[in-house]
N, C-alpha and C. Protein backbone atom coordinates (compact mmCIF):
# COMPACT_ATOMS: atom_id res chain seq x y z
N MET A 1 84.44 92.10 99.91
CA MET A 1 85.64 91.18 98.85
C MET A 1 86.59 92.14 99.11
N SER A 2 87.72 91.56 99.57
CA SER A 2 89.28 92.13 99.41
C SER A 2 89.66 92.03 98.44
N ALA A 3 90.74 93.01 97.89
CA ALA A 3 90.99 93.60 96.57
C ALA A 3 92.50 92.29 96.37
N LEU A 4 92.51 91.78 94.93
CA LEU A 4 93.64 91.03 94.27
C LEU A 4 94.61 91.88 94.39
N ARG A 5 96.02 91.65 95.20
CA ARG A 5 96.84 92.97 94.79
C ARG A 5 97.92 92.48 94.00
N VAL A 6 98.27 93.21 93.08
CA VAL A 6 99.33 93.36 91.58
C VAL A 6 100.42 93.90 91.79
N CYS A 7 101.58 93.38 91.83
CA CYS A 7 102.94 94.59 91.55
C CYS A 7 103.43 94.61 90.11
N VAL A 8 102.78 95.47 89.87
CA VAL A 8 103.65 95.55 88.57
C VAL A 8 105.00 96.69 87.94
N ALA A 9 105.37 96.44 87.15
CA ALA A 9 106.76 97.39 86.62
C ALA A 9 106.45 98.30 85.08
N ALA A 10 106.55 99.76 85.84
CA ALA A 10 106.96 100.30 84.52
C ALA A 10 108.06 100.61 84.53
N ILE A 11 108.69 99.78 83.34
CA ILE A 11 110.21 99.96 83.01
C ILE A 11 110.17 100.54 82.05
N ARG A 12 111.46 101.64 82.23
CA ARG A 12 111.56 102.94 81.34
C ARG A 12 112.84 103.01 81.04
N ARG A 13 112.65 103.22 79.86
CA ARG A 13 114.39 103.60 79.02
C ARG A 13 113.90 104.33 77.82
N GLU A 14 114.81 105.88 77.78
CA GLU A 14 114.96 106.44 76.93
C GLU A 14 113.57 106.97 76.57
N GLY A 15 112.35 107.77 78.04
CA GLY A 15 111.07 107.71 77.54
C GLY A 15 109.98 107.10 77.12
N ARG A 16 110.36 105.83 77.18
CA ARG A 16 109.69 104.36 76.44
C ARG A 16 109.28 103.40 78.05
N PHE A 17 108.40 103.16 77.71
CA PHE A 17 107.49 101.97 78.69
C PHE A 17 107.52 100.50 77.92
N PHE A 18 108.08 99.38 78.85
CA PHE A 18 107.87 98.41 78.37
C PHE A 18 106.36 97.52 78.54
N LEU A 19 105.88 97.18 77.70
CA LEU A 19 104.71 96.14 77.27
C LEU A 19 104.89 95.10 77.11
N GLN A 20 103.65 94.40 77.40
CA GLN A 20 103.82 92.68 76.49
C GLN A 20 102.53 92.45 76.50
N ARG A 21 102.00 91.57 75.81
CA ARG A 21 101.00 91.37 75.09
C ARG A 21 100.40 90.08 76.19
N ARG A 22 99.29 89.71 76.86
CA ARG A 22 98.59 88.69 77.40
C ARG A 22 98.70 87.29 76.58
N ASP A 23 99.04 86.50 76.67
CA ASP A 23 98.53 85.31 75.84
C ASP A 23 96.80 85.18 75.25
N PRO A 24 96.89 85.15 73.90
CA PRO A 24 95.53 85.17 73.23
C PRO A 24 94.59 84.00 74.13
N LEU A 25 94.88 82.82 74.66
CA LEU A 25 94.55 82.43 75.09
C LEU A 25 93.90 82.36 77.00
N ALA A 26 94.42 83.20 77.47
CA ALA A 26 94.37 83.58 78.80
C ALA A 26 93.08 83.52 79.34
N ALA A 27 92.47 83.27 80.56
CA ALA A 27 91.10 83.15 81.01
C ALA A 27 90.67 84.65 81.22
N ARG A 28 91.39 85.05 81.54
CA ARG A 28 91.29 86.70 82.18
C ARG A 28 92.09 87.48 80.78
N PHE A 29 91.53 88.71 80.59
CA PHE A 29 92.07 89.41 79.54
C PHE A 29 92.78 89.32 78.17
N PRO A 30 92.59 88.00 77.61
CA PRO A 30 92.98 87.49 76.37
C PRO A 30 93.44 88.60 75.52
N ALA A 31 95.14 88.28 74.83
CA ALA A 31 95.60 89.52 73.88
C ALA A 31 95.44 90.95 74.41
N LEU A 32 95.06 91.60 75.62
CA LEU A 32 95.26 92.78 76.01
C LEU A 32 97.07 93.13 75.96
N TRP A 33 97.51 94.38 76.57
CA TRP A 33 98.43 95.06 76.60
C TRP A 33 98.63 95.10 77.99
N GLU A 34 99.99 94.52 78.80
CA GLU A 34 99.93 95.43 80.41
C GLU A 34 101.15 95.60 80.36
N LEU A 35 101.51 96.14 81.57
CA LEU A 35 102.96 95.86 82.39
C LEU A 35 103.25 94.95 83.05
N PRO A 36 104.38 94.27 83.24
CA PRO A 36 104.82 93.01 83.53
C PRO A 36 104.30 92.95 85.23
N GLY A 37 104.42 91.69 85.95
CA GLY A 37 104.20 91.80 87.27
C GLY A 37 103.36 90.19 87.93
N GLY A 38 103.13 90.57 88.69
CA GLY A 38 102.08 89.87 89.46
C GLY A 38 102.00 89.90 90.80
N LYS A 39 101.19 88.68 91.56
CA LYS A 39 100.10 88.73 92.85
C LYS A 39 102.03 88.38 93.75
N ALA A 40 101.71 88.99 95.17
CA ALA A 40 102.61 88.64 95.81
C ALA A 40 102.19 87.82 96.43
N GLU A 41 103.21 86.63 96.71
CA GLU A 41 103.08 85.07 97.73
C GLU A 41 103.16 85.69 99.15
N PRO A 42 102.10 84.82 99.78
CA PRO A 42 102.39 85.50 101.74
C PRO A 42 103.48 85.50 102.34
N GLY A 43 103.96 86.75 102.72
CA GLY A 43 104.70 86.85 103.50
C GLY A 43 105.51 87.87 102.62
N GLU A 44 105.35 87.77 101.41
CA GLU A 44 106.11 88.69 100.24
C GLU A 44 105.74 90.09 100.49
N THR A 45 107.11 90.99 100.30
CA THR A 45 106.46 92.13 100.38
C THR A 45 106.59 93.00 98.70
N PRO A 46 105.75 93.64 98.46
CA PRO A 46 105.26 94.47 97.01
C PRO A 46 106.86 94.58 96.14
N GLU A 47 107.57 94.89 96.94
CA GLU A 47 109.30 95.03 95.87
C GLU A 47 109.85 93.89 95.76
N ALA A 48 109.42 92.43 96.78
CA ALA A 48 110.04 91.60 96.72
C ALA A 48 109.18 90.91 95.85
N ALA A 49 107.91 90.69 95.71
CA ALA A 49 107.61 90.24 94.45
C ALA A 49 107.41 90.29 93.05
N LEU A 50 107.49 91.67 92.77
CA LEU A 50 107.74 92.27 92.06
C LEU A 50 109.25 92.17 91.46
N ARG A 51 110.24 91.90 92.04
CA ARG A 51 111.19 91.71 91.76
C ARG A 51 111.00 90.02 91.35
N ARG A 52 110.69 89.51 92.23
CA ARG A 52 110.71 87.87 91.95
C ARG A 52 109.99 87.87 90.63
N GLU A 53 108.74 88.00 89.97
CA GLU A 53 107.87 87.75 89.04
C GLU A 53 109.22 88.52 87.85
N LEU A 54 109.37 89.39 87.95
CA LEU A 54 110.31 89.86 87.11
C LEU A 54 111.38 89.28 86.28
N GLN A 55 112.27 88.70 87.60
CA GLN A 55 113.15 87.62 87.12
C GLN A 55 112.26 86.61 86.62
N GLU A 56 111.34 86.02 87.25
CA GLU A 56 110.92 84.82 86.48
C GLU A 56 109.83 84.88 84.77
N GLU A 57 109.51 86.70 84.76
CA GLU A 57 108.73 86.70 83.38
C GLU A 57 109.31 87.32 82.65
N LEU A 58 110.81 87.92 82.75
CA LEU A 58 111.38 88.03 81.78
C LEU A 58 113.13 87.87 82.28
N GLY A 59 113.46 87.59 83.23
CA GLY A 59 115.11 87.23 82.87
C GLY A 59 115.92 88.61 83.20
N TRP A 60 114.67 89.32 84.03
CA TRP A 60 115.85 90.73 84.17
C TRP A 60 115.49 91.28 85.52
N ALA A 61 116.86 92.04 85.91
CA ALA A 61 116.69 92.41 87.48
C ALA A 61 116.92 93.71 87.58
N PRO A 62 115.53 94.56 88.11
CA PRO A 62 116.21 96.27 87.63
C PRO A 62 117.07 96.84 88.82
N GLU A 63 117.97 98.19 88.15
CA GLU A 63 118.32 98.60 89.09
C GLU A 63 117.99 99.62 90.20
N ARG A 64 116.70 99.89 89.86
CA ARG A 64 116.41 101.02 90.66
C ARG A 64 114.93 100.85 90.27
N VAL A 65 114.62 100.98 91.74
CA VAL A 65 112.63 100.16 91.86
C VAL A 65 112.06 101.50 92.72
N ALA A 66 111.41 101.93 92.45
CA ALA A 66 110.63 103.12 93.55
C ALA A 66 109.43 103.04 93.33
N PRO A 67 108.00 102.97 94.09
CA PRO A 67 106.93 103.30 94.32
C PRO A 67 106.54 104.49 93.38
N LEU A 68 105.14 104.22 92.51
CA LEU A 68 104.84 105.55 91.77
C LEU A 68 103.54 105.23 91.87
N ALA A 69 102.56 104.64 91.53
CA ALA A 69 101.18 104.97 92.34
C ALA A 69 100.56 103.41 92.61
N THR A 70 99.38 103.60 93.20
CA THR A 70 98.15 102.78 93.26
C THR A 70 97.21 102.78 92.35
N VAL A 71 96.60 101.76 91.70
CA VAL A 71 95.04 101.74 90.97
C VAL A 71 94.47 101.12 91.40
N ALA A 72 92.96 101.29 91.93
CA ALA A 72 91.95 100.31 92.19
C ALA A 72 91.00 100.40 91.29
N HIS A 73 90.75 99.36 91.18
CA HIS A 73 89.66 98.81 90.20
C HIS A 73 88.44 98.14 90.44
N ASP A 74 87.44 98.10 89.88
CA ASP A 74 86.41 96.89 90.10
C ASP A 74 85.68 95.84 89.42
N TYR A 75 86.36 94.85 89.11
CA TYR A 75 85.28 94.63 88.10
C TYR A 75 84.24 93.72 87.62
N GLY A 76 83.80 93.86 88.97
CA GLY A 76 82.69 93.20 89.15
C GLY A 76 82.56 92.42 90.10
N ALA A 77 83.06 90.88 89.35
CA ALA A 77 83.26 89.74 89.75
C ALA A 77 84.34 89.70 90.74
N PHE A 78 84.97 90.97 90.66
CA PHE A 78 86.60 90.74 91.77
C PHE A 78 87.11 92.02 91.44
N ARG A 79 88.00 92.69 92.62
CA ARG A 79 88.44 93.53 93.04
C ARG A 79 89.75 93.96 92.68
N VAL A 80 90.47 94.44 91.93
CA VAL A 80 92.06 94.84 91.91
C VAL A 80 92.64 95.73 92.32
N GLU A 81 93.97 95.78 92.97
CA GLU A 81 94.59 96.91 93.59
C GLU A 81 96.00 97.20 93.10
N LEU A 82 96.35 97.29 91.73
CA LEU A 82 97.79 97.75 91.37
C LEU A 82 98.90 98.72 91.77
N GLN A 83 99.65 97.64 92.38
CA GLN A 83 100.95 98.80 93.17
C GLN A 83 102.10 98.93 92.09
N VAL A 84 102.43 100.01 91.28
CA VAL A 84 102.99 100.03 89.93
C VAL A 84 104.07 101.10 90.43
N PHE A 85 105.53 100.18 90.55
CA PHE A 85 106.40 100.84 90.41
C PHE A 85 107.40 101.44 89.41
N LEU A 86 108.29 101.96 89.14
CA LEU A 86 109.05 102.74 87.88
C LEU A 86 110.41 101.78 88.28
N CYS A 87 110.86 101.51 87.29
CA CYS A 87 112.20 100.29 87.34
C CYS A 87 112.68 100.92 86.34
N GLU A 88 113.70 100.69 86.33
CA GLU A 88 114.77 101.38 85.50
C GLU A 88 115.98 99.95 85.59
N GLY A 89 117.09 100.13 84.56
CA GLY A 89 118.19 99.31 84.50
C GLY A 89 118.35 99.05 83.48
N PRO A 90 119.54 98.22 83.16
CA PRO A 90 120.21 97.89 81.55
C PRO A 90 119.67 96.93 81.96
N GLY A 91 119.88 95.90 80.44
CA GLY A 91 119.96 94.17 80.23
C GLY A 91 118.90 94.54 79.56
N THR A 92 118.70 93.15 78.57
CA THR A 92 117.91 92.18 77.81
C THR A 92 116.44 91.71 78.65
N LEU A 93 115.62 92.12 78.20
CA LEU A 93 114.60 91.87 78.74
C LEU A 93 113.69 90.19 77.73
N HIS A 94 113.60 89.41 78.36
CA HIS A 94 113.10 88.16 77.57
C HIS A 94 111.59 87.90 77.44
N ALA A 95 110.72 88.32 76.58
CA ALA A 95 109.02 88.48 77.00
C ALA A 95 109.06 87.13 75.81
N PRO A 96 108.38 86.02 76.21
CA PRO A 96 107.87 84.80 75.57
C PRO A 96 106.85 85.17 74.57
N LEU A 97 105.83 86.25 74.83
CA LEU A 97 104.89 86.87 73.98
C LEU A 97 105.21 87.93 73.20
N ALA A 98 104.32 88.79 72.62
CA ALA A 98 104.58 89.72 72.18
C ALA A 98 104.87 91.03 72.75
N TRP A 99 105.60 91.58 72.95
CA TRP A 99 105.97 93.21 73.48
C TRP A 99 106.75 94.20 72.69
N GLY A 100 106.70 95.27 73.72
CA GLY A 100 107.39 96.40 72.79
C GLY A 100 107.59 97.84 74.03
N TRP A 101 108.05 98.55 73.60
CA TRP A 101 108.66 99.55 73.89
C TRP A 101 107.68 100.85 73.62
N PHE A 102 107.13 101.54 74.27
CA PHE A 102 105.87 102.42 74.40
C PHE A 102 106.12 103.79 74.82
N THR A 103 105.74 105.04 74.12
CA THR A 103 105.51 106.20 74.65
C THR A 103 104.19 106.24 75.64
N PRO A 104 103.70 107.16 76.59
CA PRO A 104 102.62 106.89 77.35
C PRO A 104 101.29 107.70 75.87
N GLY A 105 101.67 107.95 74.78
CA GLY A 105 100.74 108.17 73.77
C GLY A 105 100.18 107.19 73.44
N GLU A 106 100.96 106.42 73.00
CA GLU A 106 101.37 105.20 72.17
C GLU A 106 100.52 104.31 73.26
N MET A 107 100.97 104.40 74.12
CA MET A 107 99.98 103.07 75.51
C MET A 107 98.50 103.37 75.23
N ALA A 108 98.11 104.74 75.30
CA ALA A 108 96.87 105.23 75.24
C ALA A 108 96.08 104.45 74.35
N ARG A 109 96.81 104.48 73.18
CA ARG A 109 95.67 103.55 72.27
C ARG A 109 95.89 102.26 71.88
N LEU A 110 96.39 101.52 72.66
CA LEU A 110 96.47 100.12 72.69
C LEU A 110 95.30 99.46 73.63
N PRO A 111 94.67 98.66 73.53
CA PRO A 111 93.73 97.60 73.98
C PRO A 111 94.63 96.90 75.65
N MET A 112 93.88 97.33 76.56
CA MET A 112 94.81 97.32 77.93
C MET A 112 93.33 96.62 78.62
N PRO A 113 93.43 96.24 79.89
CA PRO A 113 92.57 95.78 81.08
C PRO A 113 92.13 97.04 81.33
N GLU A 114 90.95 97.53 81.73
CA GLU A 114 90.39 98.27 82.38
C GLU A 114 91.14 99.05 83.67
N ALA A 115 91.85 98.42 84.30
CA ALA A 115 92.58 98.59 85.27
C ALA A 115 93.84 99.53 85.08
N ASN A 116 94.25 99.57 84.05
CA ASN A 116 95.31 99.88 83.56
C ASN A 116 95.31 101.14 82.31
N ARG A 117 94.20 101.63 82.04
CA ARG A 117 94.12 102.32 81.09
C ARG A 117 94.24 103.78 81.73
N GLY A 118 94.36 104.41 83.17
CA GLY A 118 94.83 105.56 83.40
C GLY A 118 96.11 105.50 83.37
N LEU A 119 96.87 104.18 83.37
CA LEU A 119 98.72 104.38 83.33
C LEU A 119 99.05 105.07 82.92
N PRO A 120 98.84 105.54 81.25
CA PRO A 120 99.49 106.00 80.75
C PRO A 120 99.97 107.57 80.75
N GLU A 121 98.68 108.40 81.10
CA GLU A 121 98.48 109.26 82.20
C GLU A 121 99.87 109.59 82.84
N THR A 122 99.39 108.70 84.03
CA THR A 122 100.33 108.54 85.17
C THR A 122 101.95 108.39 84.87
N LEU A 123 102.30 107.42 83.72
CA LEU A 123 103.46 107.33 83.46
C LEU A 123 103.90 108.79 82.71
N ALA A 124 102.88 109.08 82.09
CA ALA A 124 103.59 110.25 81.69
C ALA A 124 104.14 111.51 82.47
N CYS A 125 103.66 111.59 83.78
CA CYS A 125 104.12 112.46 84.85
C CYS A 125 104.72 111.99 85.52
N ALA A 126 105.81 110.89 85.41
CA ALA A 126 106.67 110.04 86.29
C ALA A 126 107.86 110.54 86.36
N PRO A 127 108.20 111.10 87.54
CA PRO A 127 109.61 111.64 87.55
C PRO A 127 110.32 111.23 87.03
N ARG A 128 111.29 111.92 86.49
CA ARG A 128 112.78 111.61 85.60
C ARG A 128 113.97 111.11 86.39
């Protein structure tokens, strides 16, 4: 079984990271907190997919994008591979559902999909 590749943005401002909460009616991971992002389309590079997803989801374009980590997780019915990018830049993010800026310690206490559970530690060690 091949892994579902998902590109996600660790958007950082003043030591906090942007998270959004999934729709409570979503088929997968309802009402859980996650980094914004999504799947790459055929022929799309991970960074291009990330930039497209950020524009579609948040109406925002980062100034700086840098690969940070890759996280693999097996949910049993499917496998996921998160390609995490550290993103920075000014501007307002427009999220349609609940959202917030969290320190890695605060993130660790939020309900998140299993594949995301190690991300607070990874983000705490992200280069400045």
